[in-house]
């Protein structure tokens, strides 16, 4: 199961880094229409959230059964970044959309909600990367 966990974590980390660090910024760099770029990016982030939730659940299912309290918590650790991404998708994104409708993409509220969404995504990415590093460490 360790190999499966490592592969899933590596693929998950790659997905998050690829979408957040490469694909989304590239859309805004090459597409002249920022509304279209934003729409595509939003859909990619939405799909990434659903994939992340599924991967987190699978990771929890394939985790070795632990007897100690702290080890049991680590088994559930993948739910943390998935929850952050879900929070961004289901709580922050509607606020972001409402702010865009009210004041446009240059409005303060939109910028604040966009920054909140980006911070949640970045934090989730860092946590997944930390989980991967922990999984790759040799056990003593």
N, C-alpha and C. Protein backbone atom coordinates (compact mmCIF):
# COMPACT_ATOMS: atom_id res chain seq x y z
N UNK A 1 0.80 -1.21 0.00
CA UNK A 1 0.00 0.00 0.00
C UNK A 1 0.84 1.26 0.00
N UNK A 2 2.05 1.17 0.50
CA UNK A 2 2.90 2.36 0.55
C UNK A 2 3.16 2.90 -0.85
N UNK A 3 3.43 2.01 -1.81
CA UNK A 3 3.67 2.46 -3.18
C UNK A 3 2.44 3.15 -3.74
N UNK A 4 1.28 2.59 -3.50
CA UNK A 4 0.04 3.19 -3.98
C UNK A 4 -0.16 4.58 -3.37
N UNK A 5 0.09 4.70 -2.08
CA UNK A 5 -0.04 6.01 -1.41
C UNK A 5 0.95 7.01 -2.00
N UNK A 6 2.16 6.58 -2.20
CA UNK A 6 3.19 7.47 -2.77
C UNK A 6 2.80 7.93 -4.16
N UNK A 7 2.33 7.01 -4.98
CA UNK A 7 1.93 7.37 -6.34
C UNK A 7 0.75 8.34 -6.33
N UNK A 8 -0.24 8.05 -5.49
CA UNK A 8 -1.40 8.94 -5.41
C UNK A 8 -1.01 10.33 -4.93
N UNK A 9 -0.19 10.39 -3.90
CA UNK A 9 0.25 11.69 -3.40
C UNK A 9 1.07 12.44 -4.44
N UNK A 10 1.95 11.72 -5.16
CA UNK A 10 2.76 12.37 -6.19
C UNK A 10 1.88 12.90 -7.32
N UNK A 11 0.91 12.10 -7.74
CA UNK A 11 0.00 12.55 -8.80
C UNK A 11 -0.85 13.73 -8.34
N UNK A 12 -1.29 13.68 -7.09
CA UNK A 12 -2.10 14.77 -6.55
C UNK A 12 -1.28 16.05 -6.47
N UNK A 13 -0.08 15.95 -5.95
CA UNK A 13 0.80 17.13 -5.87
C UNK A 13 1.07 17.67 -7.27
N UNK A 14 1.33 16.78 -8.22
CA UNK A 14 1.58 17.21 -9.59
C UNK A 14 0.39 17.91 -10.20
N UNK A 15 -0.81 17.40 -9.93
CA UNK A 15 -2.02 18.03 -10.43
C UNK A 15 -2.16 19.44 -9.88
N UNK A 16 -2.00 19.59 -8.57
CA UNK A 16 -2.16 20.91 -7.95
C UNK A 16 -1.11 21.90 -8.43
N UNK A 17 0.14 21.47 -8.49
CA UNK A 17 1.21 22.36 -8.96
C UNK A 17 1.01 22.68 -10.44
N UNK A 18 0.63 21.67 -11.21
CA UNK A 18 0.44 21.89 -12.65
C UNK A 18 -0.68 22.87 -12.96
N UNK A 19 -1.81 22.68 -12.31
CA UNK A 19 -2.95 23.57 -12.57
C UNK A 19 -2.70 24.96 -12.00
N UNK A 20 -2.31 25.01 -10.72
CA UNK A 20 -2.15 26.31 -10.06
C UNK A 20 -0.91 27.07 -10.46
N UNK A 21 0.16 26.36 -10.76
CA UNK A 21 1.42 27.03 -11.05
C UNK A 21 1.76 27.17 -12.51
N UNK A 22 1.11 26.36 -13.37
CA UNK A 22 1.47 26.38 -14.79
C UNK A 22 0.27 26.68 -15.69
N UNK A 23 -0.77 25.89 -15.60
CA UNK A 23 -1.88 26.01 -16.54
C UNK A 23 -2.65 27.32 -16.36
N UNK A 24 -3.10 27.61 -15.16
CA UNK A 24 -3.90 28.83 -14.95
C UNK A 24 -3.12 30.10 -15.32
N UNK A 25 -1.88 30.26 -14.85
CA UNK A 25 -1.16 31.46 -15.27
C UNK A 25 -0.93 31.53 -16.78
N UNK A 26 -0.74 30.38 -17.41
CA UNK A 26 -0.54 30.35 -18.86
C UNK A 26 -1.78 30.81 -19.60
N UNK A 27 -2.96 30.41 -19.11
CA UNK A 27 -4.21 30.85 -19.74
C UNK A 27 -4.29 32.38 -19.78
N UNK A 28 -3.96 33.02 -18.67
CA UNK A 28 -4.03 34.48 -18.63
C UNK A 28 -2.93 35.13 -19.46
N UNK A 29 -1.82 34.44 -19.64
CA UNK A 29 -0.71 34.98 -20.43
C UNK A 29 -0.98 34.90 -21.93
N UNK A 30 -1.68 33.85 -22.38
CA UNK A 30 -1.81 33.68 -23.83
C UNK A 30 -3.18 34.05 -24.39
N UNK A 31 -4.21 34.07 -23.55
CA UNK A 31 -5.53 34.43 -24.04
C UNK A 31 -5.77 35.93 -23.88
N UNK A 32 -6.18 36.56 -24.94
CA UNK A 32 -6.43 38.00 -24.90
C UNK A 32 -7.66 38.33 -24.06
N UNK A 33 -8.62 37.46 -24.06
CA UNK A 33 -9.86 37.68 -23.32
C UNK A 33 -9.73 37.11 -21.91
N UNK A 34 -9.59 37.99 -20.92
CA UNK A 34 -9.38 37.55 -19.54
C UNK A 34 -10.63 36.87 -18.96
N UNK A 35 -11.80 37.21 -19.47
CA UNK A 35 -13.03 36.57 -19.01
C UNK A 35 -13.03 35.09 -19.42
N UNK A 36 -12.62 34.83 -20.66
CA UNK A 36 -12.53 33.45 -21.13
C UNK A 36 -11.46 32.70 -20.35
N UNK A 37 -10.31 33.33 -20.16
CA UNK A 37 -9.23 32.70 -19.38
C UNK A 37 -9.70 32.38 -17.97
N UNK A 38 -10.40 33.31 -17.35
CA UNK A 38 -10.92 33.10 -16.01
C UNK A 38 -11.95 31.98 -15.95
N UNK A 39 -12.79 31.91 -16.96
CA UNK A 39 -13.80 30.85 -17.01
C UNK A 39 -13.17 29.47 -17.15
N UNK A 40 -12.17 29.37 -18.02
CA UNK A 40 -11.47 28.09 -18.18
C UNK A 40 -10.73 27.73 -16.90
N UNK A 41 -10.04 28.69 -16.32
CA UNK A 41 -9.31 28.44 -15.08
C UNK A 41 -10.27 28.00 -13.96
N UNK A 42 -11.41 28.67 -13.86
CA UNK A 42 -12.38 28.31 -12.82
C UNK A 42 -12.85 26.87 -12.99
N UNK A 43 -13.10 26.47 -14.23
CA UNK A 43 -13.53 25.09 -14.48
C UNK A 43 -12.43 24.09 -14.16
N UNK A 44 -11.20 24.43 -14.49
CA UNK A 44 -10.07 23.55 -14.16
C UNK A 44 -9.92 23.42 -12.64
N UNK A 45 -10.05 24.51 -11.91
CA UNK A 45 -9.96 24.46 -10.45
C UNK A 45 -11.13 23.66 -9.87
N UNK A 46 -12.32 23.80 -10.45
CA UNK A 46 -13.48 23.03 -9.99
C UNK A 46 -13.23 21.54 -10.15
N UNK A 47 -12.76 21.15 -11.32
CA UNK A 47 -12.49 19.73 -11.57
C UNK A 47 -11.36 19.22 -10.68
N UNK A 48 -10.36 20.06 -10.46
CA UNK A 48 -9.25 19.69 -9.59
C UNK A 48 -9.75 19.45 -8.17
N UNK A 49 -10.71 20.24 -7.72
CA UNK A 49 -11.28 20.04 -6.40
C UNK A 49 -11.97 18.68 -6.29
N UNK A 50 -12.75 18.32 -7.29
CA UNK A 50 -13.45 17.03 -7.24
C UNK A 50 -12.47 15.86 -7.31
N UNK A 51 -11.45 15.97 -8.14
CA UNK A 51 -10.43 14.93 -8.20
C UNK A 51 -9.71 14.84 -6.85
N UNK A 52 -9.42 15.98 -6.26
CA UNK A 52 -8.73 16.02 -4.97
C UNK A 52 -9.54 15.35 -3.86
N UNK A 53 -10.83 15.59 -3.85
CA UNK A 53 -11.69 14.96 -2.85
C UNK A 53 -11.66 13.44 -3.03
N UNK A 54 -11.75 13.00 -4.26
CA UNK A 54 -11.72 11.56 -4.53
C UNK A 54 -10.38 10.95 -4.12
N UNK A 55 -9.29 11.62 -4.47
CA UNK A 55 -7.96 11.11 -4.12
C UNK A 55 -7.78 11.07 -2.61
N UNK A 56 -8.23 12.10 -1.92
CA UNK A 56 -8.11 12.13 -0.46
C UNK A 56 -8.87 10.97 0.18
N UNK A 57 -10.06 10.70 -0.31
CA UNK A 57 -10.83 9.59 0.24
C UNK A 57 -10.14 8.25 -0.02
N UNK A 58 -9.60 8.07 -1.22
CA UNK A 58 -8.88 6.83 -1.53
C UNK A 58 -7.65 6.71 -0.64
N UNK A 59 -6.92 7.81 -0.45
CA UNK A 59 -5.74 7.77 0.41
C UNK A 59 -6.11 7.37 1.84
N UNK A 60 -7.22 7.86 2.32
CA UNK A 60 -7.65 7.48 3.67
C UNK A 60 -8.01 5.99 3.73
N UNK A 61 -8.57 5.48 2.66
CA UNK A 61 -8.96 4.06 2.63
C UNK A 61 -7.76 3.12 2.52
N UNK A 62 -6.70 3.56 1.82
CA UNK A 62 -5.54 2.67 1.64
C UNK A 62 -4.46 2.90 2.69
N UNK A 63 -4.73 3.79 3.62
CA UNK A 63 -3.74 4.04 4.68
C UNK A 63 -3.68 2.82 5.59
N UNK A 64 -2.49 2.52 6.07
CA UNK A 64 -2.39 1.39 7.00
C UNK A 64 -3.16 1.70 8.29
N UNK A 65 -3.79 0.69 8.83
CA UNK A 65 -4.55 0.86 10.06
C UNK A 65 -3.58 1.09 11.20
N UNK A 66 -3.80 2.16 11.91
CA UNK A 66 -2.91 2.53 13.01
C UNK A 66 -3.62 2.35 14.34
N UNK A 67 -2.86 2.02 15.34
CA UNK A 67 -3.43 1.81 16.66
C UNK A 67 -3.28 3.04 17.56
N UNK A 68 -2.20 3.77 17.38
CA UNK A 68 -1.93 4.94 18.23
C UNK A 68 -2.74 6.14 17.75
N UNK A 69 -3.00 7.08 18.66
CA UNK A 69 -3.80 8.26 18.35
C UNK A 69 -3.23 9.15 17.28
N UNK A 70 -1.95 9.51 17.37
CA UNK A 70 -1.34 10.40 16.39
C UNK A 70 -1.28 9.75 15.02
N UNK A 71 -0.99 8.46 14.98
CA UNK A 71 -0.94 7.75 13.71
C UNK A 71 -2.32 7.69 13.06
N UNK A 72 -3.34 7.58 13.87
CA UNK A 72 -4.70 7.59 13.33
C UNK A 72 -5.02 8.93 12.69
N UNK A 73 -4.57 10.01 13.32
CA UNK A 73 -4.79 11.34 12.75
C UNK A 73 -4.09 11.49 11.41
N UNK A 74 -2.87 10.96 11.31
CA UNK A 74 -2.14 11.05 10.04
C UNK A 74 -2.87 10.31 8.93
N UNK A 75 -3.59 9.27 9.29
CA UNK A 75 -4.36 8.53 8.29
C UNK A 75 -5.41 9.43 7.64
N UNK A 76 -5.93 10.36 8.41
CA UNK A 76 -6.97 11.27 7.92
C UNK A 76 -6.40 12.58 7.35
N UNK A 77 -5.10 12.75 7.40
CA UNK A 77 -4.47 14.00 6.97
C UNK A 77 -4.83 14.42 5.54
N UNK A 78 -5.00 13.51 4.58
CA UNK A 78 -5.37 13.96 3.23
C UNK A 78 -6.71 14.69 3.17
N UNK A 79 -7.54 14.50 4.17
CA UNK A 79 -8.82 15.21 4.18
C UNK A 79 -8.64 16.71 4.38
N UNK A 80 -7.52 17.12 5.00
CA UNK A 80 -7.27 18.54 5.24
C UNK A 80 -7.17 19.36 3.96
N UNK A 81 -6.25 19.01 3.04
CA UNK A 81 -6.17 19.79 1.81
C UNK A 81 -7.44 19.66 0.96
N UNK A 82 -8.07 18.50 0.98
CA UNK A 82 -9.32 18.35 0.23
C UNK A 82 -10.39 19.29 0.80
N UNK A 83 -10.43 19.42 2.12
CA UNK A 83 -11.39 20.33 2.74
C UNK A 83 -11.10 21.78 2.40
N UNK A 84 -9.82 22.14 2.34
CA UNK A 84 -9.46 23.52 1.95
C UNK A 84 -9.92 23.81 0.52
N UNK A 85 -9.72 22.85 -0.38
CA UNK A 85 -10.14 23.04 -1.76
C UNK A 85 -11.66 23.10 -1.86
N UNK A 86 -12.35 22.26 -1.10
CA UNK A 86 -13.81 22.29 -1.09
C UNK A 86 -14.32 23.62 -0.53
N UNK A 87 -13.67 24.12 0.51
CA UNK A 87 -14.02 25.43 1.07
C UNK A 87 -13.89 26.51 -0.01
N UNK A 88 -12.80 26.45 -0.75
CA UNK A 88 -12.61 27.42 -1.82
C UNK A 88 -13.67 27.32 -2.89
N UNK A 89 -14.02 26.11 -3.25
CA UNK A 89 -15.00 25.90 -4.33
C UNK A 89 -16.43 26.22 -3.91
N UNK A 90 -16.82 25.77 -2.73
CA UNK A 90 -18.23 25.86 -2.35
C UNK A 90 -18.58 27.04 -1.45
N UNK A 91 -17.59 27.67 -0.82
CA UNK A 91 -17.87 28.83 0.04
C UNK A 91 -17.28 30.11 -0.54
N UNK A 92 -16.01 30.05 -0.95
CA UNK A 92 -15.35 31.27 -1.42
C UNK A 92 -15.76 31.61 -2.86
N UNK A 93 -15.81 30.63 -3.72
CA UNK A 93 -16.13 30.91 -5.13
C UNK A 93 -17.47 31.61 -5.32
N UNK A 94 -18.54 31.22 -4.62
CA UNK A 94 -19.79 31.98 -4.78
C UNK A 94 -19.65 33.45 -4.35
N UNK A 95 -18.86 33.69 -3.32
CA UNK A 95 -18.63 35.07 -2.89
C UNK A 95 -17.83 35.83 -3.94
N UNK A 96 -16.85 35.15 -4.52
CA UNK A 96 -16.02 35.75 -5.56
C UNK A 96 -16.89 36.10 -6.77
N UNK A 97 -17.76 35.18 -7.16
CA UNK A 97 -18.65 35.43 -8.30
C UNK A 97 -19.61 36.59 -8.02
N UNK A 98 -20.12 36.65 -6.81
CA UNK A 98 -21.01 37.75 -6.44
C UNK A 98 -20.27 39.08 -6.46
N UNK A 99 -19.04 39.08 -5.99
CA UNK A 99 -18.25 40.32 -5.99
C UNK A 99 -17.93 40.75 -7.42
N UNK A 100 -17.65 39.79 -8.30
CA UNK A 100 -17.38 40.14 -9.70
C UNK A 100 -18.63 40.73 -10.34
N UNK A 101 -19.79 40.15 -10.05
CA UNK A 101 -21.04 40.66 -10.62
C UNK A 101 -21.35 42.06 -10.11
N UNK A 102 -21.01 42.32 -8.85
CA UNK A 102 -21.32 43.63 -8.25
C UNK A 102 -20.36 44.72 -8.68
N UNK A 103 -19.05 44.41 -8.71
CA UNK A 103 -18.09 45.49 -8.95
C UNK A 103 -17.06 45.19 -10.03
N UNK A 104 -17.16 44.02 -10.66
CA UNK A 104 -16.20 43.68 -11.71
C UNK A 104 -14.91 43.11 -11.14
N UNK A 105 -14.05 42.61 -12.04
CA UNK A 105 -12.82 41.96 -11.58
C UNK A 105 -11.79 42.92 -10.98
N UNK A 106 -12.02 44.21 -11.10
CA UNK A 106 -11.08 45.17 -10.51
C UNK A 106 -11.55 45.66 -9.15
N UNK A 107 -12.74 45.22 -8.73
CA UNK A 107 -13.28 45.67 -7.46
C UNK A 107 -12.53 45.08 -6.27
N UNK A 108 -12.55 45.80 -5.18
CA UNK A 108 -11.83 45.36 -3.97
C UNK A 108 -12.34 44.02 -3.44
N UNK A 109 -13.64 43.85 -3.43
CA UNK A 109 -14.21 42.61 -2.89
C UNK A 109 -13.77 41.42 -3.76
N UNK A 110 -13.82 41.59 -5.07
CA UNK A 110 -13.38 40.50 -5.95
C UNK A 110 -11.92 40.17 -5.71
N UNK A 111 -11.10 41.18 -5.62
CA UNK A 111 -9.66 40.96 -5.39
C UNK A 111 -9.43 40.24 -4.06
N UNK A 112 -10.16 40.64 -3.03
CA UNK A 112 -10.01 40.01 -1.71
C UNK A 112 -10.44 38.55 -1.76
N UNK A 113 -11.58 38.26 -2.39
CA UNK A 113 -12.05 36.87 -2.47
C UNK A 113 -11.13 36.04 -3.36
N UNK A 114 -10.62 36.64 -4.41
CA UNK A 114 -9.69 35.92 -5.29
C UNK A 114 -8.41 35.58 -4.52
N UNK A 115 -7.92 36.51 -3.73
CA UNK A 115 -6.72 36.25 -2.92
C UNK A 115 -6.99 35.15 -1.89
N UNK A 116 -8.18 35.16 -1.30
CA UNK A 116 -8.54 34.11 -0.35
C UNK A 116 -8.57 32.75 -1.03
N UNK A 117 -9.16 32.70 -2.20
CA UNK A 117 -9.23 31.45 -2.96
C UNK A 117 -7.83 30.96 -3.33
N UNK A 118 -6.99 31.87 -3.79
CA UNK A 118 -5.61 31.51 -4.15
C UNK A 118 -4.83 31.02 -2.94
N UNK A 119 -5.04 31.65 -1.80
CA UNK A 119 -4.33 31.25 -0.58
C UNK A 119 -4.77 29.85 -0.14
N UNK A 120 -6.06 29.55 -0.22
CA UNK A 120 -6.54 28.21 0.13
C UNK A 120 -5.94 27.15 -0.79
N UNK A 121 -5.88 27.46 -2.09
CA UNK A 121 -5.31 26.52 -3.06
C UNK A 121 -3.83 26.32 -2.78
N UNK A 122 -3.12 27.40 -2.53
CA UNK A 122 -1.68 27.31 -2.25
C UNK A 122 -1.42 26.52 -0.97
N UNK A 123 -2.21 26.77 0.07
CA UNK A 123 -2.03 26.04 1.32
C UNK A 123 -2.31 24.55 1.13
N UNK A 124 -3.37 24.23 0.40
CA UNK A 124 -3.68 22.83 0.12
C UNK A 124 -2.54 22.16 -0.64
N UNK A 125 -1.98 22.88 -1.61
CA UNK A 125 -0.85 22.35 -2.39
C UNK A 125 0.34 22.08 -1.49
N UNK A 126 0.66 23.01 -0.62
CA UNK A 126 1.79 22.83 0.30
C UNK A 126 1.57 21.65 1.24
N UNK A 127 0.36 21.49 1.71
CA UNK A 127 0.08 20.37 2.60
C UNK A 127 0.22 19.04 1.86
N UNK A 128 -0.28 18.96 0.66
CA UNK A 128 -0.14 17.73 -0.13
C UNK A 128 1.34 17.43 -0.37
N UNK A 129 2.11 18.46 -0.68
CA UNK A 129 3.55 18.25 -0.88
C UNK A 129 4.21 17.79 0.42
N UNK A 130 3.80 18.34 1.55
CA UNK A 130 4.35 17.91 2.84
C UNK A 130 3.97 16.46 3.14
N UNK A 131 2.75 16.08 2.82
CA UNK A 131 2.34 14.69 3.01
C UNK A 131 3.17 13.75 2.15
N UNK A 132 3.45 14.19 0.92
CA UNK A 132 4.29 13.37 0.04
C UNK A 132 5.70 13.22 0.60
N UNK A 133 6.27 14.32 1.05
CA UNK A 133 7.62 14.27 1.63
C UNK A 133 7.62 13.34 2.85
N UNK A 134 6.62 13.45 3.69
CA UNK A 134 6.53 12.57 4.87
C UNK A 134 6.43 11.12 4.45
N UNK A 135 5.66 10.85 3.42
CA UNK A 135 5.49 9.47 2.94
C UNK A 135 6.78 8.91 2.34
N UNK A 136 7.59 9.80 1.75
CA UNK A 136 8.84 9.36 1.11
C UNK A 136 9.99 9.19 2.08
N UNK A 137 9.86 9.74 3.28
CA UNK A 137 10.93 9.62 4.27
C UNK A 137 11.11 8.16 4.67
N UNK A 138 12.35 7.74 4.80
CA UNK A 138 12.58 6.37 5.25
C UNK A 138 12.06 6.18 6.67
N UNK A 139 11.44 5.05 6.92
CA UNK A 139 10.92 4.75 8.25
C UNK A 139 12.03 4.16 9.09
N UNK A 140 12.12 4.61 10.32
CA UNK A 140 13.16 4.07 11.22
C UNK A 140 12.55 3.23 12.30
